[in-house]
């Protein structure tokens, strides 16, 4: 278990008890890794008291609040299990739902995300989340209903290959799907917030769409940036050329065009089109020079060892 938290002192004992009750009966070793993302309340003291009771608890404490992506990255780096489950510490993600994710993971998936079918959040937050999830699924081709759900289960190879930074934690399924991992989704129960308050505001959603553009560039066009800049450049060139051709036809008929705003717009579009094409060519050169082995993902390597063959059975072939 990897659990990032920020000022969740009141929910931690109940969260710990729920995890132990849900997972202690399952086979395999349990590790609970709490990542304290610079809490200013008594969260760290509570974690230390829990750790004295259970040696399976490990604690990472940040010097200040670095954000959820940084907390997950630190947890992923230090997690020792072959299966890693993440969840928020506010108890809106129920520990009793973890078993569903693990059972679904055993059906051949590499990453299983929770889907809060009935969210216990204010309507504004629900509406913004639906729009965000719909746009993300449409643009990325990853048909998940709830990218923002903190309850997820991963096989170790996923967290080893997918790098999390900035605010990219919500797009881990998209990044994993791009590398060929099998993504699944399972409905989970979502509880109303019992303690504290939400740490996210409206600015989170605006930043999320900028992160979405970054993810699209990193996945679809990371190795072919000219496909983006080139298409934009050609469209602008055609628009500028069309405007200038229209004005030229008028000029040949005796109409004065130099002081028309449309004339300046056509020139601007032509210049921008050329610039976008050159941007794409420069980006292609950078992408080519920085290409590395990590650009692909290997699921497995199978080698059949050749049987020992005596020298008598060797046959010389012509040439």
Foldseek 3Di string as FASTA:
>chain_A
DQEEAAQQQVQQVVQVVQLCVQPVPDDDDDAYEYEYQAHPDCNVVSLVVVCVVPVSYHYHYDNHHPDDLVSVLVCLVPDDDQKDWYAYRQCQAGSNCLVVQVVVVVVPFFKEAEDAPDAQDDPVVVVLQQVLLVVLCVLLVPNDRGLPGRTMMGGSVLSVQDRTDDPCSSVSVSVSVLQPGGYHYDYGHGDHGDDDDDPDDPVVSVVSVVVSVVSCCVRVPLQQQLVPLLVQLVVLLVVLVVLVVVVVVVVVVPDDDPPPPSPVSSVVSNVSSVVSNVVRVVSNVVSVVPDDPSVHDDPDDDDDDDDDDDPVPDDDDDD
